[in-house]
Each structure stands twice: as structure tokens, then as C-alpha cells.
Amino acid sequence: MGSTDQTPDQEDTNTKGQLVAEIDNRLQFVTVISIFFCTLLYSFFRSINRTDADSNKALTKWAGVAGAYLLNYLLFETFRSRMRVPVLKFVNVLTLLGMALFVLPIFVIATVDSTHWLPAELWLAQKSFIGIIVAPFAILFLFYGVMGNTIADRIWRTAKRLWELRRRGAKTKAN
């Protein structure tokens, strides 16, 4: 049973606490997935008879993604108290997207012996690989923006002001 006696500041604090906990869990999980994914890629290359050198090259290149997620986690732990709710919401969505992008490539790799993949499914898997690389760096970009006035925060405040002006204009026209 929720309390309706909360002030807006208390609600923001609760929302911020919930977002911080959710992002913390998601970042931990996506970091583990990215580490697992490196190992999966190495095994995949070995299973399609690539040389050990090629397999190791793929492993070391993809280890950068795991490193980026580890860096994200460290930055999040360092700056989470300074982050505002709009930025936290955006990081939360990006972290969820980062997790989701691993799904299709993992299925494609896990079922490599199956020849029933449609070209569209393989295309989506290829685009997911690109997203897997981009997502942690997009989150890093946000963290670096947190140190000053963030872009997401400015967009949020501008949108909020525009919405209030629009509502005031509608009320004035109604009167």
C-alpha cells in the first residue's frame, strides 16, 4: 500500500533510488554478458574451423566491449549521486538496450549448425553486433556529460518548459 502523502522531492528521491538500483543491476548483468560473449565468440570461431590466431584476435577485439562496460560501471558508481533523474532514465534505457542487443547474436551463434536462418534474421544479428559495440560507448558519452550540465538534462528541462507553456496557452485560450 503506497503513501500518497509524499512531497514531490520525496517522490524524486524514491524514483532516483529505484533507478540507481535498477541501473546498478543492469550494468552488472550486461558486463557479465559481455564477458561471456567474448568467450562465446572464441568458441564460435573455433567451431567453424578458424585458426587459433583468428579466434584469439576476435576474443581480444571484443574484450574492448567488456572493458567499456566495466568502465561504465566504475563511472556510474563514481557519479551516480550527481546524476539527475532524466539522465538516469536515459542511462537505464541504454543499459536495457545494451542487454537486448546481445540476444539475437547469441541465438545465431548457438544455432550455427542450423541452416534455417532467413537473410533478414542474419541481417538483424549483424546490426545487433554493431549495436553491441555502440551501446557501452553511448553510455560512456552520457557519463562524461554528467560532469557538467548534461545534454539529456537540458533537453528534459526544455521539454518540460515547453509543455508548461503549452498548457498555460491552452488554459488562457479556454478562459
N, C-alpha and C. Protein backbone atom coordinates (compact mmCIF):
# COMPACT_ATOMS: atom_id res chain seq x y z
N MET A 1 0.84 -1.17 0.00
CA MET A 1 0.00 0.00 0.00
C MET A 1 0.88 1.23 0.00
N GLY A 2 0.76 2.06 -1.05
CA GLY A 2 1.64 3.22 -1.20
C GLY A 2 1.10 4.43 -0.47
N SER A 3 1.99 5.29 -0.07
CA SER A 3 1.62 6.51 0.63
C SER A 3 1.43 7.63 -0.39
N THR A 4 0.33 8.35 -0.25
CA THR A 4 0.07 9.47 -1.15
C THR A 4 0.44 10.79 -0.50
N ASP A 5 1.02 10.75 0.70
CA ASP A 5 1.38 11.96 1.44
C ASP A 5 2.78 12.45 1.09
N GLN A 6 3.40 11.91 0.08
CA GLN A 6 4.79 12.26 -0.24
C GLN A 6 4.86 13.58 -0.99
N THR A 7 5.88 14.35 -0.69
CA THR A 7 6.13 15.59 -1.42
C THR A 7 6.80 15.22 -2.74
N PRO A 8 6.79 16.13 -3.71
CA PRO A 8 7.47 15.84 -4.98
C PRO A 8 8.95 15.52 -4.80
N ASP A 9 9.61 16.19 -3.85
CA ASP A 9 11.03 15.90 -3.61
C ASP A 9 11.23 14.47 -3.11
N GLN A 10 10.33 14.01 -2.24
CA GLN A 10 10.43 12.63 -1.75
C GLN A 10 10.19 11.64 -2.88
N GLU A 11 9.22 11.96 -3.76
CA GLU A 11 8.95 11.07 -4.88
C GLU A 11 10.15 11.02 -5.82
N ASP A 12 10.81 12.18 -6.07
CA ASP A 12 12.01 12.20 -6.91
C ASP A 12 13.12 11.37 -6.29
N THR A 13 13.26 11.46 -4.96
CA THR A 13 14.29 10.68 -4.26
C THR A 13 14.01 9.20 -4.40
N ASN A 14 12.73 8.81 -4.22
CA ASN A 14 12.37 7.40 -4.38
C ASN A 14 12.62 6.94 -5.81
N THR A 15 12.22 7.76 -6.78
CA THR A 15 12.43 7.41 -8.18
C THR A 15 13.91 7.30 -8.48
N LYS A 16 14.70 8.24 -7.98
CA LYS A 16 16.13 8.22 -8.23
C LYS A 16 16.76 6.98 -7.59
N GLY A 17 16.35 6.65 -6.37
CA GLY A 17 16.88 5.45 -5.71
C GLY A 17 16.54 4.18 -6.46
N GLN A 18 15.31 4.11 -6.97
CA GLN A 18 14.90 2.94 -7.74
C GLN A 18 15.69 2.85 -9.04
N LEU A 19 15.86 3.98 -9.72
CA LEU A 19 16.62 3.99 -10.97
C LEU A 19 18.07 3.61 -10.75
N VAL A 20 18.67 4.14 -9.69
CA VAL A 20 20.07 3.81 -9.39
C VAL A 20 20.22 2.31 -9.16
N ALA A 21 19.31 1.73 -8.38
CA ALA A 21 19.38 0.28 -8.11
C ALA A 21 19.19 -0.52 -9.40
N GLU A 22 18.25 -0.09 -10.24
CA GLU A 22 17.98 -0.80 -11.50
C GLU A 22 19.18 -0.72 -12.45
N ILE A 23 19.74 0.47 -12.58
CA ILE A 23 20.91 0.64 -13.46
C ILE A 23 22.08 -0.16 -12.93
N ASP A 24 22.27 -0.12 -11.62
CA ASP A 24 23.37 -0.87 -10.99
C ASP A 24 23.26 -2.36 -11.35
N ASN A 25 22.06 -2.92 -11.19
CA ASN A 25 21.86 -4.34 -11.52
C ASN A 25 22.05 -4.61 -13.01
N ARG A 26 21.52 -3.73 -13.84
CA ARG A 26 21.64 -3.94 -15.28
C ARG A 26 23.09 -3.83 -15.75
N LEU A 27 23.82 -2.85 -15.22
CA LEU A 27 25.22 -2.71 -15.62
C LEU A 27 26.04 -3.93 -15.20
N GLN A 28 25.76 -4.45 -14.02
CA GLN A 28 26.46 -5.66 -13.59
C GLN A 28 26.14 -6.82 -14.53
N PHE A 29 24.86 -6.97 -14.85
CA PHE A 29 24.43 -8.08 -15.69
C PHE A 29 24.99 -7.97 -17.11
N VAL A 30 24.92 -6.77 -17.71
CA VAL A 30 25.41 -6.61 -19.08
C VAL A 30 26.93 -6.76 -19.13
N THR A 31 27.63 -6.42 -18.06
CA THR A 31 29.07 -6.63 -18.01
C THR A 31 29.38 -8.12 -18.03
N VAL A 32 28.63 -8.90 -17.26
CA VAL A 32 28.82 -10.35 -17.25
C VAL A 32 28.49 -10.93 -18.63
N ILE A 33 27.40 -10.46 -19.23
CA ILE A 33 27.03 -10.94 -20.57
C ILE A 33 28.15 -10.64 -21.57
N SER A 34 28.71 -9.43 -21.50
CA SER A 34 29.76 -9.06 -22.47
C SER A 34 31.01 -9.91 -22.28
N ILE A 35 31.34 -10.26 -21.04
CA ILE A 35 32.48 -11.14 -20.80
C ILE A 35 32.17 -12.54 -21.34
N PHE A 36 30.98 -13.02 -21.07
CA PHE A 36 30.54 -14.33 -21.58
C PHE A 36 30.54 -14.33 -23.11
N PHE A 37 30.12 -13.21 -23.71
CA PHE A 37 30.04 -13.12 -25.16
C PHE A 37 31.41 -13.26 -25.81
N CYS A 38 32.44 -12.70 -25.18
CA CYS A 38 33.81 -12.85 -25.70
C CYS A 38 34.18 -14.33 -25.78
N THR A 39 33.88 -15.06 -24.73
CA THR A 39 34.18 -16.49 -24.70
C THR A 39 33.36 -17.24 -25.74
N LEU A 40 32.10 -16.85 -25.88
CA LEU A 40 31.24 -17.48 -26.87
C LEU A 40 31.77 -17.24 -28.29
N LEU A 41 32.22 -16.04 -28.56
CA LEU A 41 32.79 -15.75 -29.88
C LEU A 41 34.04 -16.58 -30.15
N TYR A 42 34.89 -16.71 -29.16
CA TYR A 42 36.09 -17.52 -29.31
C TYR A 42 35.70 -18.96 -29.66
N SER A 43 34.76 -19.52 -28.92
CA SER A 43 34.30 -20.89 -29.18
C SER A 43 33.67 -21.01 -30.56
N PHE A 44 32.91 -19.99 -30.94
CA PHE A 44 32.27 -19.99 -32.25
C PHE A 44 33.32 -20.04 -33.36
N PHE A 45 34.34 -19.21 -33.26
CA PHE A 45 35.39 -19.21 -34.29
C PHE A 45 36.13 -20.55 -34.33
N ARG A 46 36.34 -21.14 -33.19
CA ARG A 46 37.00 -22.45 -33.17
C ARG A 46 36.08 -23.52 -33.77
N SER A 47 34.77 -23.39 -33.57
CA SER A 47 33.84 -24.41 -34.08
C SER A 47 33.68 -24.35 -35.60
N ILE A 48 33.97 -23.21 -36.20
CA ILE A 48 33.88 -23.12 -37.67
C ILE A 48 35.27 -23.26 -38.30
N ASN A 49 36.16 -23.89 -37.55
CA ASN A 49 37.50 -24.25 -38.02
C ASN A 49 38.38 -23.06 -38.38
N ARG A 50 38.23 -21.98 -37.66
CA ARG A 50 39.16 -20.87 -37.80
C ARG A 50 40.41 -21.18 -37.01
N THR A 51 41.50 -20.56 -37.39
CA THR A 51 42.75 -20.82 -36.69
C THR A 51 42.68 -20.25 -35.28
N ASP A 52 43.58 -20.73 -34.45
CA ASP A 52 43.64 -20.23 -33.09
C ASP A 52 43.97 -18.74 -33.08
N ALA A 53 44.80 -18.30 -34.01
CA ALA A 53 45.15 -16.88 -34.09
C ALA A 53 43.93 -16.02 -34.41
N ASP A 54 43.10 -16.48 -35.36
CA ASP A 54 41.88 -15.74 -35.70
C ASP A 54 40.91 -15.70 -34.52
N SER A 55 40.80 -16.82 -33.84
CA SER A 55 39.90 -16.89 -32.68
C SER A 55 40.37 -15.96 -31.57
N ASN A 56 41.67 -15.94 -31.34
CA ASN A 56 42.22 -15.04 -30.32
C ASN A 56 42.05 -13.58 -30.71
N LYS A 57 42.17 -13.28 -32.00
CA LYS A 57 42.00 -11.91 -32.47
C LYS A 57 40.57 -11.43 -32.20
N ALA A 58 39.60 -12.30 -32.50
CA ALA A 58 38.20 -11.95 -32.23
C ALA A 58 37.97 -11.75 -30.73
N LEU A 59 38.57 -12.61 -29.94
CA LEU A 59 38.42 -12.51 -28.48
C LEU A 59 38.98 -11.19 -27.97
N THR A 60 40.17 -10.83 -28.42
CA THR A 60 40.79 -9.59 -27.91
C THR A 60 40.06 -8.34 -28.41
N LYS A 61 39.55 -8.36 -29.63
CA LYS A 61 38.80 -7.21 -30.12
C LYS A 61 37.51 -7.01 -29.33
N TRP A 62 36.80 -8.10 -29.07
CA TRP A 62 35.53 -7.99 -28.35
C TRP A 62 35.73 -7.76 -26.85
N ALA A 63 36.92 -8.00 -26.36
CA ALA A 63 37.19 -7.72 -24.95
C ALA A 63 37.07 -6.22 -24.67
N GLY A 64 37.24 -5.40 -25.69
CA GLY A 64 37.05 -3.96 -25.54
C GLY A 64 35.64 -3.59 -25.14
N VAL A 65 34.66 -4.37 -25.63
CA VAL A 65 33.26 -4.12 -25.24
C VAL A 65 33.09 -4.40 -23.75
N ALA A 66 33.64 -5.52 -23.30
CA ALA A 66 33.56 -5.84 -21.86
C ALA A 66 34.28 -4.77 -21.05
N GLY A 67 35.42 -4.30 -21.54
CA GLY A 67 36.15 -3.23 -20.85
C GLY A 67 35.35 -1.94 -20.79
N ALA A 68 34.63 -1.63 -21.87
CA ALA A 68 33.80 -0.42 -21.88
C ALA A 68 32.68 -0.53 -20.85
N TYR A 69 32.06 -1.71 -20.75
CA TYR A 69 31.01 -1.88 -19.74
C TYR A 69 31.58 -1.81 -18.32
N LEU A 70 32.78 -2.34 -18.12
CA LEU A 70 33.42 -2.22 -16.80
C LEU A 70 33.69 -0.75 -16.47
N LEU A 71 34.16 0.00 -17.45
CA LEU A 71 34.40 1.42 -17.25
C LEU A 71 33.09 2.15 -16.97
N ASN A 72 32.02 1.78 -17.68
CA ASN A 72 30.70 2.35 -17.40
C ASN A 72 30.30 2.10 -15.96
N TYR A 73 30.52 0.90 -15.50
CA TYR A 73 30.13 0.56 -14.13
C TYR A 73 30.92 1.40 -13.13
N LEU A 74 32.22 1.53 -13.35
CA LEU A 74 33.05 2.34 -12.45
C LEU A 74 32.62 3.81 -12.46
N LEU A 75 32.36 4.35 -13.64
CA LEU A 75 31.90 5.73 -13.72
C LEU A 75 30.54 5.91 -13.07
N PHE A 76 29.66 4.95 -13.27
CA PHE A 76 28.33 5.03 -12.66
C PHE A 76 28.45 5.04 -11.14
N GLU A 77 29.27 4.15 -10.61
CA GLU A 77 29.46 4.10 -9.15
C GLU A 77 30.06 5.41 -8.64
N THR A 78 30.89 6.05 -9.43
CA THR A 78 31.52 7.30 -9.02
C THR A 78 30.57 8.49 -9.08
N PHE A 79 29.77 8.58 -10.15
CA PHE A 79 28.98 9.79 -10.40
C PHE A 79 27.49 9.62 -10.17
N ARG A 80 27.03 8.51 -9.68
CA ARG A 80 25.58 8.30 -9.59
C ARG A 80 24.90 9.29 -8.65
N SER A 81 25.57 9.78 -7.64
CA SER A 81 24.94 10.75 -6.74
C SER A 81 24.75 12.10 -7.41
N ARG A 82 25.54 12.41 -8.43
CA ARG A 82 25.44 13.68 -9.15
C ARG A 82 24.45 13.63 -10.30
N MET A 83 24.04 12.43 -10.70
CA MET A 83 23.19 12.29 -11.87
C MET A 83 21.74 12.63 -11.53
N ARG A 84 21.11 13.35 -12.42
CA ARG A 84 19.71 13.73 -12.22
C ARG A 84 18.81 12.65 -12.81
N VAL A 85 17.56 12.68 -12.41
CA VAL A 85 16.59 11.65 -12.80
C VAL A 85 16.48 11.50 -14.33
N PRO A 86 16.40 12.59 -15.12
CA PRO A 86 16.29 12.39 -16.58
C PRO A 86 17.50 11.65 -17.17
N VAL A 87 18.69 11.96 -16.66
CA VAL A 87 19.89 11.28 -17.15
C VAL A 87 19.86 9.82 -16.73
N LEU A 88 19.44 9.56 -15.50
CA LEU A 88 19.34 8.19 -15.02
C LEU A 88 18.36 7.38 -15.86
N LYS A 89 17.24 8.01 -16.23
CA LYS A 89 16.26 7.32 -17.07
C LYS A 89 16.86 6.96 -18.42
N PHE A 90 17.61 7.88 -18.98
CA PHE A 90 18.23 7.64 -20.29
C PHE A 90 19.29 6.53 -20.20
N VAL A 91 20.11 6.57 -19.15
CA VAL A 91 21.12 5.52 -18.95
C VAL A 91 20.43 4.17 -18.74
N ASN A 92 19.32 4.18 -18.02
CA ASN A 92 18.57 2.95 -17.77
C ASN A 92 18.09 2.33 -19.08
N VAL A 93 17.56 3.16 -19.97
CA VAL A 93 17.09 2.68 -21.28
C VAL A 93 18.26 2.16 -22.11
N LEU A 94 19.37 2.90 -22.13
CA LEU A 94 20.54 2.46 -22.90
C LEU A 94 21.11 1.14 -22.37
N THR A 95 21.09 0.98 -21.07
CA THR A 95 21.59 -0.26 -20.48
C THR A 95 20.69 -1.43 -20.85
N LEU A 96 19.38 -1.21 -20.82
CA LEU A 96 18.44 -2.25 -21.24
C LEU A 96 18.64 -2.58 -22.72
N LEU A 97 18.82 -1.56 -23.54
CA LEU A 97 19.09 -1.78 -24.96
C LEU A 97 20.38 -2.56 -25.16
N GLY A 98 21.40 -2.20 -24.38
CA GLY A 98 22.67 -2.92 -24.46
C GLY A 98 22.50 -4.40 -24.15
N MET A 99 21.65 -4.71 -23.18
CA MET A 99 21.38 -6.12 -22.86
C MET A 99 20.63 -6.80 -24.00
N ALA A 100 19.64 -6.11 -24.53
CA ALA A 100 18.79 -6.69 -25.56
C ALA A 100 19.57 -6.99 -26.84
N LEU A 101 20.56 -6.17 -27.14
CA LEU A 101 21.32 -6.35 -28.37
C LEU A 101 22.13 -7.66 -28.39
N PHE A 102 22.37 -8.24 -27.25
CA PHE A 102 23.12 -9.50 -27.20
C PHE A 102 22.26 -10.71 -27.57
N VAL A 103 20.94 -10.59 -27.50
CA VAL A 103 20.05 -11.75 -27.63
C VAL A 103 20.19 -12.44 -28.99
N LEU A 104 19.94 -11.72 -30.06
CA LEU A 104 19.93 -12.35 -31.39
C LEU A 104 21.29 -12.91 -31.79
N PRO A 105 22.39 -12.17 -31.61
CA PRO A 105 23.69 -12.78 -31.95
C PRO A 105 23.99 -14.05 -31.16
N ILE A 106 23.58 -14.09 -29.91
CA ILE A 106 23.81 -15.31 -29.11
C ILE A 106 23.01 -16.47 -29.70
N PHE A 107 21.76 -16.20 -30.10
CA PHE A 107 20.96 -17.27 -30.72
C PHE A 107 21.57 -17.73 -32.04
N VAL A 108 22.05 -16.79 -32.84
CA VAL A 108 22.65 -17.16 -34.13
C VAL A 108 23.89 -18.01 -33.91
N ILE A 109 24.74 -17.60 -32.97
CA ILE A 109 25.96 -18.36 -32.69
C ILE A 109 25.63 -19.73 -32.10
N ALA A 110 24.65 -19.77 -31.21
CA ALA A 110 24.29 -21.03 -30.55
C ALA A 110 23.70 -22.04 -31.53
N THR A 111 23.09 -21.56 -32.59
CA THR A 111 22.45 -22.47 -33.55
C THR A 111 23.15 -22.42 -34.90
N VAL A 112 24.46 -22.25 -34.89
CA VAL A 112 25.21 -22.11 -36.13
C VAL A 112 25.08 -23.34 -37.02
N ASP A 113 24.82 -24.49 -36.45
CA ASP A 113 24.66 -25.69 -37.27
C ASP A 113 23.34 -25.70 -38.02
N SER A 114 22.39 -24.90 -37.57
CA SER A 114 21.10 -24.83 -38.22
C SER A 114 21.22 -23.97 -39.48
N THR A 115 20.65 -24.42 -40.56
CA THR A 115 20.70 -23.66 -41.81
C THR A 115 19.37 -22.99 -42.12
N HIS A 116 18.54 -22.82 -41.10
CA HIS A 116 17.20 -22.28 -41.32
C HIS A 116 17.10 -20.79 -41.05
N TRP A 117 18.21 -20.11 -40.96
CA TRP A 117 18.15 -18.68 -40.70
C TRP A 117 17.79 -17.94 -41.98
N LEU A 118 16.84 -17.03 -41.88
CA LEU A 118 16.45 -16.20 -43.01
C LEU A 118 17.44 -15.05 -43.16
N PRO A 119 17.61 -14.53 -44.36
CA PRO A 119 18.53 -13.40 -44.54
C PRO A 119 18.20 -12.21 -43.63
N ALA A 120 16.91 -11.96 -43.42
CA ALA A 120 16.54 -10.83 -42.55
C ALA A 120 17.00 -11.06 -41.11
N GLU A 121 16.92 -12.30 -40.65
CA GLU A 121 17.37 -12.61 -39.29
C GLU A 121 18.88 -12.44 -39.17
N LEU A 122 19.60 -12.86 -40.17
CA LEU A 122 21.05 -12.69 -40.15
C LEU A 122 21.43 -11.22 -40.24
N TRP A 123 20.66 -10.44 -41.02
CA TRP A 123 20.90 -9.00 -41.10
C TRP A 123 20.68 -8.35 -39.75
N LEU A 124 19.61 -8.73 -39.06
CA LEU A 124 19.35 -8.19 -37.72
C LEU A 124 20.46 -8.56 -36.74
N ALA A 125 20.95 -9.77 -36.85
CA ALA A 125 22.04 -10.20 -35.97
C ALA A 125 23.28 -9.36 -36.23
N GLN A 126 23.55 -9.09 -37.51
CA GLN A 126 24.71 -8.27 -37.86
C GLN A 126 24.55 -6.86 -37.29
N LYS A 127 23.36 -6.29 -37.39
CA LYS A 127 23.12 -4.95 -36.84
C LYS A 127 23.20 -4.97 -35.32
N SER A 128 22.81 -6.07 -34.70
CA SER A 128 22.93 -6.20 -33.25
C SER A 128 24.40 -6.16 -32.83
N PHE A 129 25.27 -6.79 -33.62
CA PHE A 129 26.70 -6.75 -33.32
C PHE A 129 27.18 -5.29 -33.30
N ILE A 130 26.73 -4.51 -34.26
CA ILE A 130 27.10 -3.09 -34.31
C ILE A 130 26.58 -2.38 -33.07
N GLY A 131 25.33 -2.66 -32.71
CA GLY A 131 24.74 -2.05 -31.52
C GLY A 131 25.46 -2.44 -30.24
N ILE A 132 25.92 -3.68 -30.18
CA ILE A 132 26.65 -4.15 -29.01
C ILE A 132 27.91 -3.30 -28.82
N ILE A 133 28.53 -2.93 -29.91
CA ILE A 133 29.74 -2.12 -29.83
C ILE A 133 29.40 -0.67 -29.46
N VAL A 134 28.32 -0.14 -30.02
CA VAL A 134 27.98 1.26 -29.82
C VAL A 134 27.38 1.54 -28.43
N ALA A 135 26.56 0.64 -27.91
CA ALA A 135 25.82 0.89 -26.66
C ALA A 135 26.71 1.29 -25.48
N PRO A 136 27.77 0.54 -25.17
CA PRO A 136 28.55 0.95 -23.99
C PRO A 136 29.23 2.30 -24.17
N PHE A 137 29.58 2.64 -25.41
CA PHE A 137 30.23 3.92 -25.64
C PHE A 137 29.22 5.06 -25.59
N ALA A 138 27.97 4.79 -25.96
CA ALA A 138 26.91 5.80 -25.80
C ALA A 138 26.69 6.08 -24.32
N ILE A 139 26.72 5.04 -23.51
CA ILE A 139 26.57 5.23 -22.06
C ILE A 139 27.77 6.01 -21.52
N LEU A 140 28.97 5.69 -21.98
CA LEU A 140 30.16 6.43 -21.56
C LEU A 140 30.04 7.92 -21.90
N PHE A 141 29.52 8.21 -23.09
CA PHE A 141 29.33 9.59 -23.50
C PHE A 141 28.42 10.31 -22.51
N LEU A 142 27.38 9.65 -22.08
CA LEU A 142 26.48 10.25 -21.09
C LEU A 142 27.19 10.50 -19.77
N PHE A 143 28.00 9.53 -19.33
CA PHE A 143 28.71 9.71 -18.07
C PHE A 143 29.66 10.89 -18.12
N TYR A 144 30.33 11.08 -19.24
CA TYR A 144 31.21 12.23 -19.34
C TYR A 144 30.42 13.53 -19.34
N GLY A 145 29.21 13.49 -19.85
CA GLY A 145 28.33 14.65 -19.83
C GLY A 145 27.82 14.98 -18.44
N VAL A 146 27.81 14.00 -17.56
CA VAL A 146 27.32 14.19 -16.20
C VAL A 146 28.21 15.13 -15.41
N MET A 147 29.47 15.19 -15.77
CA MET A 147 30.41 16.02 -15.00
C MET A 147 30.04 17.50 -15.06
N GLY A 148 29.40 17.94 -16.11
CA GLY A 148 28.92 19.32 -16.20
C GLY A 148 27.42 19.30 -16.32
N ASN A 149 26.85 20.25 -17.03
CA ASN A 149 25.42 20.20 -17.31
C ASN A 149 25.22 19.23 -18.45
N THR A 150 24.43 18.22 -18.24
CA THR A 150 24.29 17.18 -19.24
C THR A 150 23.32 17.59 -20.34
N ILE A 151 23.54 17.01 -21.50
CA ILE A 151 22.68 17.26 -22.65
C ILE A 151 21.27 16.74 -22.36
N ALA A 152 21.20 15.54 -21.81
CA ALA A 152 19.88 14.95 -21.53
C ALA A 152 19.11 15.81 -20.53
N ASP A 153 19.78 16.36 -19.54
CA ASP A 153 19.12 17.20 -18.55
C ASP A 153 18.60 18.48 -19.20
N ARG A 154 19.39 19.06 -20.07
CA ARG A 154 18.96 20.28 -20.77
C ARG A 154 17.74 20.00 -21.64
N ILE A 155 17.78 18.89 -22.36
CA ILE A 155 16.64 18.52 -23.21
C ILE A 155 15.40 18.31 -22.36
N TRP A 156 15.56 17.63 -21.23
CA TRP A 156 14.44 17.36 -20.34
C TRP A 156 13.83 18.66 -19.82
N ARG A 157 14.69 19.58 -19.34
CA ARG A 157 14.19 20.86 -18.81
C ARG A 157 13.51 21.68 -19.90
N THR A 158 14.08 21.69 -21.11
CA THR A 158 13.47 22.43 -22.21
C THR A 158 12.12 21.85 -22.58
N ALA A 159 12.04 20.54 -22.67
CA ALA A 159 10.76 19.88 -22.99
C ALA A 159 9.72 20.17 -21.90
N LYS A 160 10.15 20.16 -20.66
CA LYS A 160 9.24 20.42 -19.54
C LYS A 160 8.71 21.87 -19.62
N ARG A 161 9.63 22.82 -19.91
CA ARG A 161 9.20 24.22 -20.04
C ARG A 161 8.22 24.39 -21.20
N LEU A 162 8.53 23.76 -22.34
CA LEU A 162 7.63 23.86 -23.49
C LEU A 162 6.26 23.28 -23.18
N TRP A 163 6.24 22.17 -22.46
CA TRP A 163 4.98 21.55 -22.09
C TRP A 163 4.17 22.48 -21.17
N GLU A 164 4.85 23.10 -20.20
CA GLU A 164 4.17 24.02 -19.30
C GLU A 164 3.64 25.24 -20.05
N LEU A 165 4.44 25.77 -20.97
CA LEU A 165 3.98 26.91 -21.77
C LEU A 165 2.78 26.53 -22.62
N ARG A 166 2.81 25.34 -23.17
CA ARG A 166 1.69 24.86 -23.99
C ARG A 166 0.42 24.73 -23.15
N ARG A 167 0.59 24.17 -21.94
CA ARG A 167 -0.57 24.03 -21.04
C ARG A 167 -1.12 25.38 -20.64
N ARG A 168 -0.23 26.33 -20.33
CA ARG A 168 -0.68 27.67 -19.95
C ARG A 168 -1.41 28.33 -21.11
N GLY A 169 -0.89 28.15 -22.33
CA GLY A 169 -1.54 28.70 -23.50
C GLY A 169 -2.92 28.11 -23.73
N ALA A 170 -3.05 26.81 -23.49
CA ALA A 170 -4.35 26.15 -23.65
C ALA A 170 -5.34 26.64 -22.59
N LYS A 171 -4.87 26.86 -21.37
CA LYS A 171 -5.74 27.36 -20.29
C LYS A 171 -6.17 28.79 -20.59
N THR A 172 -5.26 29.60 -21.12
CA THR A 172 -5.58 31.00 -21.44
C THR A 172 -6.63 31.05 -22.54
N LYS A 173 -6.50 30.20 -23.54
CA LYS A 173 -7.48 30.18 -24.64
C LYS A 173 -8.83 29.68 -24.16
N ALA A 174 -8.83 28.76 -23.18
CA ALA A 174 -10.09 28.21 -22.67
C ALA A 174 -10.85 29.26 -21.85
N ASN A 175 -10.11 30.15 -21.20
CA ASN A 175 -10.77 31.18 -20.37
C ASN A 175 -11.24 32.27 -21.26
